[in-house]
Amino acid sequence: MRCSAFISRSTNHVSALALVVVVEVVVVVVVVVVVVVVVVVVVVVVVVVVVVVVVVVVVVVVVVVVVVVVVVVVVVVVVVVVVVVVVVVVVVVVVVVVVVVVVVVVVVVVVYKMLCIATA
C-alpha cells in the first residue's frame, strides 16, 4: 500500500511538472508572438512615417518650384510689358516732335515766302 501511494504521489508530481513545463512553453510562445507583433507594428509605423515624410517633402519641393516658376514668368511678362510700353511712348514722343518740327519749318517757310512776296 505504501509503495502504491508513493507511485501515485510520484505520478502526481510528474504531472504537475509536466503542467508547469507546458505553461512555461505557452508563456514563452505568447511572449515571442507579442514581441514579433510589436516589432512588425513598429516597423510598419516607421515605414509609413518615412513614406509620409518623403511625400510631404516632395509635395513641398514641387509647390516651391511651381511658385518660383510662376513668379519668374510673371516678372518676365511684367518686364516685357514695361519695355514695350516704354518703346511705344518713346516712338510716339519722337513722332510728335518730328511732326511739330516739320509744321514749324513749313510755317516759317510759308511766312518767309509771304514776307518776301510782300516786300518785293
PDB file of N, CA and C in Angstrom:
ATOM      1  N   MET A   1       0.827  -1.184   0.000  1.00  0.00           N
ATOM      2  CA  MET A   1       0.000   0.000   0.000  1.00  0.00           C
ATOM      3  C   MET A   1       0.867   1.242   0.000  1.00  0.00           C
ATOM      4  N   ARG A   2       1.871   1.143   0.791  1.00  0.00           N
ATOM      5  CA  ARG A   2       2.751   2.286   0.877  1.00  0.00           C
ATOM      6  C   ARG A   2       3.466   2.526  -0.445  1.00  0.00           C
ATOM      7  N   CYS A   3       3.822   1.517  -1.133  1.00  0.00           N
ATOM      8  CA  CYS A   3       4.505   1.633  -2.411  1.00  0.00           C
ATOM      9  C   CYS A   3       3.582   2.242  -3.461  1.00  0.00           C
ATOM     10  N   SER A   4       2.334   1.804  -3.460  1.00  0.00           N
ATOM     11  CA  SER A   4       1.406   2.358  -4.443  1.00  0.00           C
ATOM     12  C   SER A   4       1.102   3.823  -4.143  1.00  0.00           C
ATOM     13  N   ALA A   5       1.097   4.205  -2.880  1.00  0.00           N
ATOM     14  CA  ALA A   5       0.884   5.614  -2.527  1.00  0.00           C
ATOM     15  C   ALA A   5       2.064   6.442  -3.012  1.00  0.00           C
ATOM     16  N   PHE A   6       3.273   5.905  -2.896  1.00  0.00           N
ATOM     17  CA  PHE A   6       4.467   6.621  -3.367  1.00  0.00           C
ATOM     18  C   PHE A   6       4.413   6.804  -4.883  1.00  0.00           C
ATOM     19  N   ILE A   7       3.999   5.734  -5.575  1.00  0.00           N
ATOM     20  CA  ILE A   7       3.905   5.801  -7.038  1.00  0.00           C
ATOM     21  C   ILE A   7       2.845   6.816  -7.439  1.00  0.00           C
ATOM     22  N   SER A   8       1.736   6.806  -6.720  1.00  0.00           N
ATOM     23  CA  SER A   8       0.671   7.753  -7.031  1.00  0.00           C
ATOM     24  C   SER A   8       1.149   9.187  -6.808  1.00  0.00           C
ATOM     25  N   ARG A   9       1.875   9.392  -5.681  1.00  0.00           N
ATOM     26  CA  ARG A   9       2.385  10.730  -5.409  1.00  0.00           C
ATOM     27  C   ARG A   9       3.431  11.122  -6.448  1.00  0.00           C
ATOM     28  N   SER A  10       4.276  10.224  -6.862  1.00  0.00           N
ATOM     29  CA  SER A  10       5.295  10.500  -7.878  1.00  0.00           C
ATOM     30  C   SER A  10       4.634  10.839  -9.208  1.00  0.00           C
ATOM     31  N   THR A  11       3.597  10.095  -9.539  1.00  0.00           N
ATOM     32  CA  THR A  11       2.889  10.361 -10.786  1.00  0.00           C
ATOM     33  C   THR A  11       2.258  11.748 -10.748  1.00  0.00           C
ATOM     34  N   ASN A  12       1.675  12.113  -9.616  1.00  0.00           N
ATOM     35  CA  ASN A  12       1.090  13.451  -9.478  1.00  0.00           C
ATOM     36  C   ASN A  12       2.168  14.522  -9.601  1.00  0.00           C
ATOM     37  N   HIS A  13       3.338  14.247  -8.996  1.00  0.00           N
ATOM     38  CA  HIS A  13       4.442  15.209  -9.061  1.00  0.00           C
ATOM     39  C   HIS A  13       4.905  15.392 -10.516  1.00  0.00           C
ATOM     40  N   VAL A  14       5.019  14.281 -11.250  1.00  0.00           N
ATOM     41  CA  VAL A  14       5.429  14.337 -12.654  1.00  0.00           C
ATOM     42  C   VAL A  14       4.372  15.076 -13.473  1.00  0.00           C
ATOM     43  N   SER A  15       3.113  14.822 -13.202  1.00  0.00           N
ATOM     44  CA  SER A  15       2.042  15.519 -13.917  1.00  0.00           C
ATOM     45  C   SER A  15       2.095  17.017 -13.636  1.00  0.00           C
ATOM     46  N   ALA A  16       2.363  17.379 -12.388  1.00  0.00           N
ATOM     47  CA  ALA A  16       2.462  18.800 -12.035  1.00  0.00           C
ATOM     48  C   ALA A  16       3.645  19.434 -12.744  1.00  0.00           C
ATOM     49  N   LEU A  17       4.776  18.738 -12.798  1.00  0.00           N
ATOM     50  CA  LEU A  17       5.951  19.263 -13.511  1.00  0.00           C
ATOM     51  C   LEU A  17       5.660  19.412 -15.001  1.00  0.00           C
ATOM     52  N   ALA A  18       4.977  18.426 -15.567  1.00  0.00           N
ATOM     53  CA  ALA A  18       4.633  18.494 -16.985  1.00  0.00           C
ATOM     54  C   ALA A  18       3.716  19.683 -17.246  1.00  0.00           C
ATOM     55  N   LEU A  19       2.776  19.913 -16.339  1.00  0.00           N
ATOM     56  CA  LEU A  19       1.875  21.050 -16.484  1.00  0.00           C
ATOM     57  C   LEU A  19       2.639  22.369 -16.390  1.00  0.00           C
ATOM     58  N   VAL A  20       3.597  22.460 -15.476  1.00  0.00           N
ATOM     59  CA  VAL A  20       4.418  23.671 -15.333  1.00  0.00           C
ATOM     60  C   VAL A  20       5.225  23.901 -16.609  1.00  0.00           C
ATOM     61  N   VAL A  21       5.803  22.846 -17.154  1.00  0.00           N
ATOM     62  CA  VAL A  21       6.595  22.968 -18.381  1.00  0.00           C
ATOM     63  C   VAL A  21       5.704  23.433 -19.533  1.00  0.00           C
ATOM     64  N   VAL A  22       4.519  22.863 -19.647  1.00  0.00           N
ATOM     65  CA  VAL A  22       3.595  23.255 -20.711  1.00  0.00           C
ATOM     66  C   VAL A  22       3.209  24.725 -20.557  1.00  0.00           C
ATOM     67  N   VAL A  23       2.919  25.161 -19.333  1.00  0.00           N
ATOM     68  CA  VAL A  23       2.553  26.559 -19.086  1.00  0.00           C
ATOM     69  C   VAL A  23       3.722  27.471 -19.443  1.00  0.00           C
ATOM     70  N   GLU A  24       4.939  27.071 -19.055  1.00  0.00           N
ATOM     71  CA  GLU A  24       6.113  27.887 -19.379  1.00  0.00           C
ATOM     72  C   GLU A  24       6.315  27.985 -20.892  1.00  0.00           C
ATOM     73  N   VAL A  25       6.137  26.892 -21.598  1.00  0.00           N
ATOM     74  CA  VAL A  25       6.278  26.899 -23.056  1.00  0.00           C
ATOM     75  C   VAL A  25       5.218  27.812 -23.678  1.00  0.00           C
ATOM     76  N   VAL A  26       3.998  27.718 -23.192  1.00  0.00           N
ATOM     77  CA  VAL A  26       2.922  28.568 -23.708  1.00  0.00           C
ATOM     78  C   VAL A  26       3.243  30.038 -23.439  1.00  0.00           C
ATOM     79  N   VAL A  27       3.743  30.352 -22.244  1.00  0.00           N
ATOM     80  CA  VAL A  27       4.101  31.736 -21.904  1.00  0.00           C
ATOM     81  C   VAL A  27       5.212  32.226 -22.821  1.00  0.00           C
ATOM     82  N   VAL A  28       6.221  31.406 -23.055  1.00  0.00           N
ATOM     83  CA  VAL A  28       7.327  31.797 -23.933  1.00  0.00           C
ATOM     84  C   VAL A  28       6.811  32.029 -25.352  1.00  0.00           C
ATOM     85  N   VAL A  29       5.967  31.151 -25.844  1.00  0.00           N
ATOM     86  CA  VAL A  29       5.411  31.304 -27.191  1.00  0.00           C
ATOM     87  C   VAL A  29       4.588  32.592 -27.277  1.00  0.00           C
ATOM     88  N   VAL A  30       3.770  32.855 -26.269  1.00  0.00           N
ATOM     89  CA  VAL A  30       2.956  34.073 -26.261  1.00  0.00           C
ATOM     90  C   VAL A  30       3.854  35.307 -26.236  1.00  0.00           C
ATOM     91  N   VAL A  31       4.901  35.286 -25.406  1.00  0.00           N
ATOM     92  CA  VAL A  31       5.827  36.426 -25.336  1.00  0.00           C
ATOM     93  C   VAL A  31       6.518  36.624 -26.684  1.00  0.00           C
ATOM     94  N   VAL A  32       6.965  35.555 -27.307  1.00  0.00           N
ATOM     95  CA  VAL A  32       7.628  35.658 -28.611  1.00  0.00           C
ATOM     96  C   VAL A  32       6.658  36.220 -29.651  1.00  0.00           C
ATOM     97  N   VAL A  33       5.432  35.738 -29.660  1.00  0.00           N
ATOM     98  CA  VAL A  33       4.433  36.230 -30.614  1.00  0.00           C
ATOM     99  C   VAL A  33       4.157  37.717 -30.373  1.00  0.00           C
ATOM    100  N   VAL A  34       4.020  38.110 -29.110  1.00  0.00           N
ATOM    101  CA  VAL A  34       3.775  39.523 -28.787  1.00  0.00           C
ATOM    102  C   VAL A  34       4.953  40.378 -29.231  1.00  0.00           C
ATOM    103  N   VAL A  35       6.176  39.926 -28.979  1.00  0.00           N
ATOM    104  CA  VAL A  35       7.367  40.682 -29.385  1.00  0.00           C
ATOM    105  C   VAL A  35       7.416  40.803 -30.908  1.00  0.00           C
ATOM    106  N   VAL A  36       7.141  39.724 -31.615  1.00  0.00           N
ATOM    107  CA  VAL A  36       7.151  39.762 -33.080  1.00  0.00           C
ATOM    108  C   VAL A  36       6.082  40.726 -33.593  1.00  0.00           C
ATOM    109  N   VAL A  37       4.897  40.674 -33.022  1.00  0.00           N
ATOM    110  CA  VAL A  37       3.819  41.574 -33.441  1.00  0.00           C
ATOM    111  C   VAL A  37       4.204  43.024 -33.170  1.00  0.00           C
ATOM    112  N   VAL A  38       4.781  43.299 -32.001  1.00  0.00           N
ATOM    113  CA  VAL A  38       5.199  44.666 -31.663  1.00  0.00           C
ATOM    114  C   VAL A  38       6.279  45.139 -32.633  1.00  0.00           C
ATOM    115  N   VAL A  39       7.249  44.287 -32.940  1.00  0.00           N
ATOM    116  CA  VAL A  39       8.317  44.661 -33.873  1.00  0.00           C
ATOM    117  C   VAL A  39       7.734  44.934 -35.261  1.00  0.00           C
ATOM    118  N   VAL A  40       6.827  44.093 -35.719  1.00  0.00           N
ATOM    119  CA  VAL A  40       6.203  44.293 -37.031  1.00  0.00           C
ATOM    120  C   VAL A  40       5.413  45.602 -37.049  1.00  0.00           C
ATOM    121  N   VAL A  41       4.660  45.871 -35.992  1.00  0.00           N
ATOM    122  CA  VAL A  41       3.881  47.112 -35.922  1.00  0.00           C
ATOM    123  C   VAL A  41       4.811  48.318 -35.923  1.00  0.00           C
ATOM    124  N   VAL A  42       5.898  48.256 -35.158  1.00  0.00           N
ATOM    125  CA  VAL A  42       6.853  49.372 -35.113  1.00  0.00           C
ATOM    126  C   VAL A  42       7.481  49.579 -36.491  1.00  0.00           C
ATOM    127  N   VAL A  43       7.863  48.509 -37.157  1.00  0.00           N
ATOM    128  CA  VAL A  43       8.465  48.624 -38.487  1.00  0.00           C
ATOM    129  C   VAL A  43       7.460  49.225 -39.474  1.00  0.00           C
ATOM    130  N   VAL A  44       6.223  48.771 -39.429  1.00  0.00           N
ATOM    131  CA  VAL A  44       5.194  49.304 -40.325  1.00  0.00           C
ATOM    132  C   VAL A  44       4.961  50.791 -40.043  1.00  0.00           C
ATOM    133  N   VAL A  45       4.892  51.165 -38.771  1.00  0.00           N
ATOM    134  CA  VAL A  45       4.687  52.575 -38.412  1.00  0.00           C
ATOM    135  C   VAL A  45       5.864  53.416 -38.896  1.00  0.00           C
ATOM    136  N   VAL A  46       7.081  52.931 -38.713  1.00  0.00           N
ATOM    137  CA  VAL A  46       8.265  53.675 -39.157  1.00  0.00           C
ATOM    138  C   VAL A  46       8.248  53.826 -40.677  1.00  0.00           C
ATOM    139  N   VAL A  47       7.918  52.764 -41.390  1.00  0.00           N
ATOM    140  CA  VAL A  47       7.864  52.830 -42.853  1.00  0.00           C
ATOM    141  C   VAL A  47       6.788  53.820 -43.298  1.00  0.00           C
ATOM    142  N   VAL A  48       5.632  53.783 -42.675  1.00  0.00           N
ATOM    143  CA  VAL A  48       4.551  54.707 -43.032  1.00  0.00           C
ATOM    144  C   VAL A  48       4.967  56.148 -42.749  1.00  0.00           C
ATOM    145  N   VAL A  49       5.600  56.384 -41.607  1.00  0.00           N
ATOM    146  CA  VAL A  49       6.050  57.739 -41.266  1.00  0.00           C
ATOM    147  C   VAL A  49       7.092  58.214 -42.277  1.00  0.00           C
ATOM    148  N   VAL A  50       8.028  57.360 -42.637  1.00  0.00           N
ATOM    149  CA  VAL A  50       9.059  57.734 -43.611  1.00  0.00           C
ATOM    150  C   VAL A  50       8.414  58.038 -44.965  1.00  0.00           C
ATOM    151  N   VAL A  51       7.479  57.220 -45.389  1.00  0.00           N
ATOM    152  CA  VAL A  51       6.804  57.448 -46.670  1.00  0.00           C
ATOM    153  C   VAL A  51       6.025  58.767 -46.631  1.00  0.00           C
ATOM    154  N   VAL A  52       5.328  59.028 -45.539  1.00  0.00           N
ATOM    155  CA  VAL A  52       4.566  60.274 -45.416  1.00  0.00           C
ATOM    156  C   VAL A  52       5.506  61.473 -45.441  1.00  0.00           C
ATOM    157  N   VAL A  53       6.625  61.388 -44.733  1.00  0.00           N
ATOM    158  CA  VAL A  53       7.593  62.493 -44.713  1.00  0.00           C
ATOM    159  C   VAL A  53       8.159  62.715 -46.114  1.00  0.00           C
ATOM    160  N   VAL A  54       8.496  61.652 -46.812  1.00  0.00           N
ATOM    161  CA  VAL A  54       9.038  61.781 -48.166  1.00  0.00           C
ATOM    162  C   VAL A  54       7.995  62.406 -49.094  1.00  0.00           C
ATOM    163  N   VAL A  55       6.756  61.968 -48.993  1.00  0.00           N
ATOM    164  CA  VAL A  55       5.694  62.524 -49.839  1.00  0.00           C
ATOM    165  C   VAL A  55       5.493  64.007 -49.529  1.00  0.00           C
ATOM    166  N   VAL A  56       5.491  64.364 -48.254  1.00  0.00           N
ATOM    167  CA  VAL A  56       5.316  65.772 -47.873  1.00  0.00           C
ATOM    168  C   VAL A  56       6.479  66.607 -48.402  1.00  0.00           C
ATOM    169  N   VAL A  57       7.695  66.102 -48.279  1.00  0.00           N
ATOM    170  CA  VAL A  57       8.865  66.842 -48.770  1.00  0.00           C
ATOM    171  C   VAL A  57       8.776  67.012 -50.288  1.00  0.00           C
ATOM    172  N   VAL A  58       8.398  65.970 -50.991  1.00  0.00           N
ATOM    173  CA  VAL A  58       8.283  66.052 -52.451  1.00  0.00           C
ATOM    174  C   VAL A  58       7.198  67.063 -52.841  1.00  0.00           C
ATOM    175  N   VAL A  59       6.070  67.025 -52.152  1.00  0.00           N
ATOM    176  CA  VAL A  59       4.987  67.964 -52.457  1.00  0.00           C
ATOM    177  C   VAL A  59       5.438  69.395 -52.182  1.00  0.00           C
ATOM    178  N   VAL A  60       6.128  69.613 -51.077  1.00  0.00           N
ATOM    179  CA  VAL A  60       6.614  70.962 -50.747  1.00  0.00           C
ATOM    180  C   VAL A  60       7.610  71.433 -51.804  1.00  0.00           C
ATOM    181  N   VAL A  61       8.510  70.563 -52.216  1.00  0.00           N
ATOM    182  CA  VAL A  61       9.501  70.936 -53.232  1.00  0.00           C
ATOM    183  C   VAL A  61       8.799  71.265 -54.552  1.00  0.00           C
ATOM    184  N   VAL A  62       7.826  70.466 -54.940  1.00  0.00           N
ATOM    185  CA  VAL A  62       7.100  70.718 -56.186  1.00  0.00           C
ATOM    186  C   VAL A  62       6.347  72.049 -56.100  1.00  0.00           C
ATOM    187  N   VAL A  63       5.710  72.305 -54.967  1.00  0.00           N
ATOM    188  CA  VAL A  63       4.975  73.560 -54.803  1.00  0.00           C
ATOM    189  C   VAL A  63       5.935  74.744 -54.863  1.00  0.00           C
ATOM    190  N   VAL A  64       7.079  74.627 -54.213  1.00  0.00           N
ATOM    191  CA  VAL A  64       8.066  75.717 -54.232  1.00  0.00           C
ATOM    192  C   VAL A  64       8.568  75.944 -55.657  1.00  0.00           C
ATOM    193  N   VAL A  65       8.849  74.883 -56.376  1.00  0.00           N
ATOM    194  CA  VAL A  65       9.332  75.016 -57.754  1.00  0.00           C
ATOM    195  C   VAL A  65       8.257  75.668 -58.625  1.00  0.00           C
ATOM    196  N   VAL A  66       7.018  75.245 -58.469  1.00  0.00           N
ATOM    197  CA  VAL A  66       5.927  75.827 -59.258  1.00  0.00           C
ATOM    198  C   VAL A  66       5.769  77.313 -58.922  1.00  0.00           C
ATOM    199  N   VAL A  67       5.838  77.657 -57.647  1.00  0.00           N
ATOM    200  CA  VAL A  67       5.709  79.063 -57.243  1.00  0.00           C
ATOM    201  C   VAL A  67       6.859  79.878 -57.820  1.00  0.00           C
ATOM    202  N   VAL A  68       8.066  79.347 -57.763  1.00  0.00           N
ATOM    203  CA  VAL A  68       9.225  80.067 -58.304  1.00  0.00           C
ATOM    204  C   VAL A  68       9.062  80.257 -59.814  1.00  0.00           C
ATOM    205  N   VAL A  69       8.626  79.231 -60.512  1.00  0.00           N
ATOM    206  CA  VAL A  69       8.439  79.334 -61.961  1.00  0.00           C
ATOM    207  C   VAL A  69       7.356  80.369 -62.276  1.00  0.00           C
ATOM    208  N   VAL A  70       6.266  80.345 -61.536  1.00  0.00           N
ATOM    209  CA  VAL A  70       5.188  81.309 -61.770  1.00  0.00           C
ATOM    210  C   VAL A  70       5.684  82.726 -61.504  1.00  0.00           C
ATOM    211  N   VAL A  71       6.438  82.917 -60.433  1.00  0.00           N
ATOM    212  CA  VAL A  71       6.969  84.251 -60.115  1.00  0.00           C
ATOM    213  C   VAL A  71       7.916  84.709 -61.221  1.00  0.00           C
ATOM    214  N   VAL A  72       8.776  83.832 -61.696  1.00  0.00           N
ATOM    215  CA  VAL A  72       9.714  84.196 -62.762  1.00  0.00           C
ATOM    216  C   VAL A  72       8.945  84.559 -64.033  1.00  0.00           C
ATOM    217  N   VAL A  73       7.933  83.786 -64.376  1.00  0.00           N
ATOM    218  CA  VAL A  73       7.143  84.068 -65.573  1.00  0.00           C
ATOM    219  C   VAL A  73       6.430  85.416 -65.426  1.00  0.00           C
ATOM    220  N   VAL A  74       5.863  85.675 -64.265  1.00  0.00           N
ATOM    221  CA  VAL A  74       5.171  86.948 -64.040  1.00  0.00           C
ATOM    222  C   VAL A  74       6.157  88.107 -64.142  1.00  0.00           C
ATOM    223  N   VAL A  75       7.333  87.958 -63.562  1.00  0.00           N
ATOM    224  CA  VAL A  75       8.343  89.023 -63.627  1.00  0.00           C
ATOM    225  C   VAL A  75       8.764  89.258 -65.077  1.00  0.00           C
ATOM    226  N   VAL A  76       8.976  88.204 -65.829  1.00  0.00           N
ATOM    227  CA  VAL A  76       9.376  88.343 -67.233  1.00  0.00           C
ATOM    228  C   VAL A  76       8.266  89.040 -68.026  1.00  0.00           C
ATOM    229  N   VAL A  77       7.028  88.649 -67.805  1.00  0.00           N
ATOM    230  CA  VAL A  77       5.909  89.271 -68.517  1.00  0.00           C
ATOM    231  C   VAL A  77       5.812  90.754 -68.154  1.00  0.00           C
ATOM    232  N   VAL A  78       5.960  91.081 -66.884  1.00  0.00           N
ATOM    233  CA  VAL A  78       5.897  92.481 -66.458  1.00  0.00           C
ATOM    234  C   VAL A  78       7.032  93.276 -67.098  1.00  0.00           C
ATOM    235  N   VAL A  79       8.230  92.726 -67.115  1.00  0.00           N
ATOM    236  CA  VAL A  79       9.373  93.420 -67.720  1.00  0.00           C
ATOM    237  C   VAL A  79       9.128  93.633 -69.214  1.00  0.00           C
ATOM    238  N   VAL A  80       8.625  92.631 -69.898  1.00  0.00           N
ATOM    239  CA  VAL A  80       8.353  92.758 -71.334  1.00  0.00           C
ATOM    240  C   VAL A  80       7.285  93.826 -71.572  1.00  0.00           C
ATOM    241  N   VAL A  81       6.235  93.821 -70.777  1.00  0.00           N
ATOM    242  CA  VAL A  81       5.173  94.817 -70.936  1.00  0.00           C
ATOM    243  C   VAL A  81       5.724  96.220 -70.685  1.00  0.00           C
ATOM    244  N   VAL A  82       6.537  96.386 -69.653  1.00  0.00           N
ATOM    245  CA  VAL A  82       7.120  97.701 -69.351  1.00  0.00           C
ATOM    246  C   VAL A  82       8.017  98.148 -70.502  1.00  0.00           C
ATOM    247  N   VAL A  83       8.832  97.260 -71.029  1.00  0.00           N
ATOM    248  CA  VAL A  83       9.721  97.609 -72.142  1.00  0.00           C
ATOM    249  C   VAL A  83       8.897  98.005 -73.367  1.00  0.00           C
ATOM    250  N   VAL A  84       7.854  97.263 -73.674  1.00  0.00           N
ATOM    251  CA  VAL A  84       7.007  97.579 -74.827  1.00  0.00           C
ATOM    252  C   VAL A  84       6.337  98.940 -74.628  1.00  0.00           C
ATOM    253  N   VAL A  85       5.833  99.203 -73.434  1.00  0.00           N
ATOM    254  CA  VAL A  85       5.185 100.492 -73.163  1.00  0.00           C
ATOM    255  C   VAL A  85       6.191 101.625 -73.304  1.00  0.00           C
ATOM    256  N   VAL A  86       7.389 101.457 -72.771  1.00  0.00           N
ATOM    257  CA  VAL A  86       8.423 102.497 -72.877  1.00  0.00           C
ATOM    258  C   VAL A  86       8.779 102.734 -74.346  1.00  0.00           C
ATOM    259  N   VAL A  87       8.944 101.681 -75.115  1.00  0.00           N
ATOM    260  CA  VAL A  87       9.282 101.825 -76.536  1.00  0.00           C
ATOM    261  C   VAL A  87       8.156 102.549 -77.272  1.00  0.00           C
ATOM    262  N   VAL A  88       6.917 102.189 -77.003  1.00  0.00           N
ATOM    263  CA  VAL A  88       5.779 102.840 -77.660  1.00  0.00           C
ATOM    264  C   VAL A  88       5.736 104.321 -77.285  1.00  0.00           C
ATOM    265  N   VAL A  89       5.942 104.640 -76.015  1.00  0.00           N
ATOM    266  CA  VAL A  89       5.929 106.044 -75.577  1.00  0.00           C
ATOM    267  C   VAL A  89       7.055 106.815 -76.256  1.00  0.00           C
ATOM    268  N   VAL A  90       8.239 106.239 -76.320  1.00  0.00           N
ATOM    269  CA  VAL A  90       9.375 106.910 -76.966  1.00  0.00           C
ATOM    270  C   VAL A  90       9.072 107.135 -78.449  1.00  0.00           C
ATOM    271  N   VAL A  91       8.526 106.153 -79.129  1.00  0.00           N
ATOM    272  CA  VAL A  91       8.200 106.292 -80.552  1.00  0.00           C
ATOM    273  C   VAL A  91       7.148 107.386 -80.743  1.00  0.00           C
ATOM    274  N   VAL A  92       6.128 107.409 -79.910  1.00  0.00           N
ATOM    275  CA  VAL A  92       5.083 108.428 -80.021  1.00  0.00           C
ATOM    276  C   VAL A  92       5.671 109.817 -79.785  1.00  0.00           C
ATOM    277  N   VAL A  93       6.524 109.958 -78.777  1.00  0.00           N
ATOM    278  CA  VAL A  93       7.149 111.258 -78.491  1.00  0.00           C
ATOM    279  C   VAL A  93       8.010 111.691 -79.672  1.00  0.00           C
ATOM    280  N   VAL A  94       8.786 110.791 -80.232  1.00  0.00           N
ATOM    281  CA  VAL A  94       9.644 111.123 -81.374  1.00  0.00           C
ATOM    282  C   VAL A  94       8.785 111.546 -82.563  1.00  0.00           C
ATOM    283  N   VAL A  95       7.712 110.822 -82.837  1.00  0.00           N
ATOM    284  CA  VAL A  95       6.827 111.165 -83.956  1.00  0.00           C
ATOM    285  C   VAL A  95       6.203 112.542 -83.729  1.00  0.00           C
ATOM    286  N   VAL A  96       5.741 112.823 -82.526  1.00  0.00           N
ATOM    287  CA  VAL A  96       5.136 114.124 -82.225  1.00  0.00           C
ATOM    288  C   VAL A  96       6.163 115.233 -82.402  1.00  0.00           C
ATOM    289  N   VAL A  97       7.372 115.023 -81.905  1.00  0.00           N
ATOM    290  CA  VAL A  97       8.428 116.037 -82.042  1.00  0.00           C
ATOM    291  C   VAL A  97       8.733 116.265 -83.522  1.00  0.00           C
ATOM    292  N   VAL A  98       8.843 115.227 -84.304  1.00  0.00           N
ATOM    293  CA  VAL A  98       9.130 115.362 -85.735  1.00  0.00           C
ATOM    294  C   VAL A  98       7.999 116.116 -86.425  1.00  0.00           C
ATOM    295  N   VAL A  99       6.758 115.776 -86.116  1.00  0.00           N
ATOM    296  CA  VAL A  99       5.611 116.458 -86.727  1.00  0.00           C
ATOM    297  C   VAL A  99       5.617 117.939 -86.347  1.00  0.00           C
ATOM    298  N   VAL A 100       5.872 118.254 -85.090  1.00  0.00           N
ATOM    299  CA  VAL A 100       5.908 119.651 -84.642  1.00  0.00           C
ATOM    300  C   VAL A 100       7.026 120.396 -85.356  1.00  0.00           C
ATOM    301  N   VAL A 101       8.192 119.785 -85.467  1.00  0.00           N
ATOM    302  CA  VAL A 101       9.325 120.429 -86.147  1.00  0.00           C
ATOM    303  C   VAL A 101       8.976 120.667 -87.613  1.00  0.00           C
ATOM    304  N   VAL A 102       8.385 119.684 -88.274  1.00  0.00           N
ATOM    305  CA  VAL A 102       8.010 119.833 -89.685  1.00  0.00           C
ATOM    306  C   VAL A 102       6.982 120.954 -89.834  1.00  0.00           C
ATOM    307  N   VAL A 103       5.986 120.992 -88.973  1.00  0.00           N
ATOM    308  CA  VAL A 103       4.957 122.035 -89.043  1.00  0.00           C
ATOM    309  C   VAL A 103       5.585 123.404 -88.822  1.00  0.00           C
ATOM    310  N   VAL A 104       6.459 123.517 -87.836  1.00  0.00           N
ATOM    311  CA  VAL A 104       7.124 124.799 -87.564  1.00  0.00           C
ATOM    312  C   VAL A 104       7.958 125.215 -88.768  1.00  0.00           C
ATOM    313  N   VAL A 105       8.702 124.288 -89.356  1.00  0.00           N
ATOM    314  CA  VAL A 105       9.531 124.606 -90.522  1.00  0.00           C
ATOM    315  C   VAL A 105       8.645 125.049 -91.683  1.00  0.00           C
ATOM    316  N   VAL A 106       7.552 124.347 -91.928  1.00  0.00           N
ATOM    317  CA  VAL A 106       6.640 124.706 -93.020  1.00  0.00           C
ATOM    318  C   VAL A 106       6.051 126.090 -92.771  1.00  0.00           C
ATOM    319  N   VAL A 107       5.626 126.356 -91.548  1.00  0.00           N
ATOM    320  CA  VAL A 107       5.052 127.668 -91.223  1.00  0.00           C
ATOM    321  C   VAL A 107       6.093 128.756 -91.411  1.00  0.00           C
ATOM    322  N   VAL A 108       7.312 128.517 -90.953  1.00  0.00           N
ATOM    323  CA  VAL A 108       8.382 129.516 -91.104  1.00  0.00           C
ATOM    324  C   VAL A 108       8.653 129.762 -92.580  1.00  0.00           C
ATOM    325  N   VAL A 109       8.721 128.701 -93.368  1.00  0.00           N
ATOM    326  CA  VAL A 109       8.986 128.855 -94.805  1.00  0.00           C
ATOM    327  C   VAL A 109       7.846 129.616 -95.466  1.00  0.00           C
ATOM    328  N   VAL A 110       6.621 129.284 -95.140  1.00  0.00           N
ATOM    329  CA  VAL A 110       5.465 129.959 -95.743  1.00  0.00           C
ATOM    330  C   VAL A 110       5.454 131.432 -95.346  1.00  0.00           C
ATOM    331  N   VAL A 111       5.684 131.704 -94.085  1.00  0.00           N
ATOM    332  CA  VAL A 111       5.707 133.101 -93.619  1.00  0.00           C
ATOM    333  C   VAL A 111       6.849 133.856 -94.294  1.00  0.00           C
ATOM    334  N   TYR A 112       7.997 133.226 -94.414  1.00  0.00           N
ATOM    335  CA  TYR A 112       9.141 133.871 -95.073  1.00  0.00           C
ATOM    336  C   TYR A 112       8.819 134.188 -96.528  1.00  0.00           C
ATOM    337  N   LYS A 113       8.216 133.218 -97.218  1.00  0.00           N
ATOM    338  CA  LYS A 113       7.854 133.422 -98.624  1.00  0.00           C
ATOM    339  C   LYS A 113       6.832 134.551 -98.743  1.00  0.00           C
ATOM    340  N   MET A 114       5.880 134.565 -97.824  1.00  0.00           N
ATOM    341  CA  MET A 114       4.866 135.616 -97.872  1.00  0.00           C
ATOM    342  C   MET A 114       5.499 136.981 -97.614  1.00  0.00           C
ATOM    343  N   LEU A 115       6.442 137.015 -96.694  1.00  0.00           N
ATOM    344  CA  LEU A 115       7.127 138.278 -96.412  1.00  0.00           C
ATOM    345  C   LEU A 115       7.971 138.696 -97.611  1.00  0.00           C
ATOM    346  N   CYS A 116       8.600 137.714 -98.242  1.00  0.00           N
ATOM    347  CA  CYS A 116       9.411 138.024 -99.418  1.00  0.00           C
ATOM    348  C   CYS A 116       8.525 138.556-100.543  1.00  0.00           C
ATOM    349  N   ILE A 117       7.374 137.959-100.752  1.00  0.00           N
ATOM    350  CA  ILE A 117       6.465 138.399-101.808  1.00  0.00           C
ATOM    351  C   ILE A 117       5.910 139.782-101.470  1.00  0.00           C
ATOM    352  N   ALA A 118       5.601 139.987-100.212  1.00  0.00           N
ATOM    353  CA  ALA A 118       5.007 141.254 -99.801  1.00  0.00           C
ATOM    354  C   ALA A 118       6.005 142.394 -99.900  1.00  0.00           C
ATOM    355  N   THR A 119       7.251 142.127 -99.653  1.00  0.00           N
ATOM    356  CA  THR A 119       8.251 143.192 -99.696  1.00  0.00           C
ATOM    357  C   THR A 119       8.799 143.387-101.083  1.00  0.00           C
ATOM    358  N   ALA A 120       8.558 142.480-101.969  1.00  0.00           N
ATOM    359  CA  ALA A 120       9.118 142.613-103.309  1.00  0.00           C
ATOM    360  C   ALA A 120       8.387 143.549-104.201  1.00  0.00           C
TER     361      ALA A 120
END
